[in-house]
């Protein structure tokens, strides 16, 4: 402290200034807010992973086409499907209830099937009246679109439809 600016008018020496926190070599420059924003955006993107992008490859799911006798009415098929969804939900499974049923058009959906940002096991059955087949689609999406087991859930659900319709559905 030999310099004159380091002393007070009374002749006493000034105490040393405390170091600013983060002023080392690894600290981010304070005069570049754009750089700080860019770094924060990159870190946010890495932290959220697939949550912002919808995940690679879309939602986890499975589909199967089942042979259905032409004389099996849609109300009977959809009653069996609705009962299967309800039983699985009661057993504690992630099966939301039936949200759309149109026997005349041949459509049944559970859990708002068309919406992407839903979790759980959701099913959609499409069968035009009198058709010899029905398409069963299942989405099995958990947090961050993790697969909740689409193939085993679809196999279990179609086995239920076969048993409920007395083996009419294959």
Foldseek 3Di string as FASTA:
>chain_A
DPDPVQADPVRHGDDDDDDDPQPDPPRDDPVDVVVVVVVVVVVVCVVVDLPVVCDPPHADKDKDKKFAALPDALVQLVVLLQVLLVVCVVVVFQRAHWDDDDRQQAKTKGDPVVDRPDAGKIWMWGDHRSDRMIMIMITHADVSNDGPCRVVVVVVSQVSSCVSVVNRMD
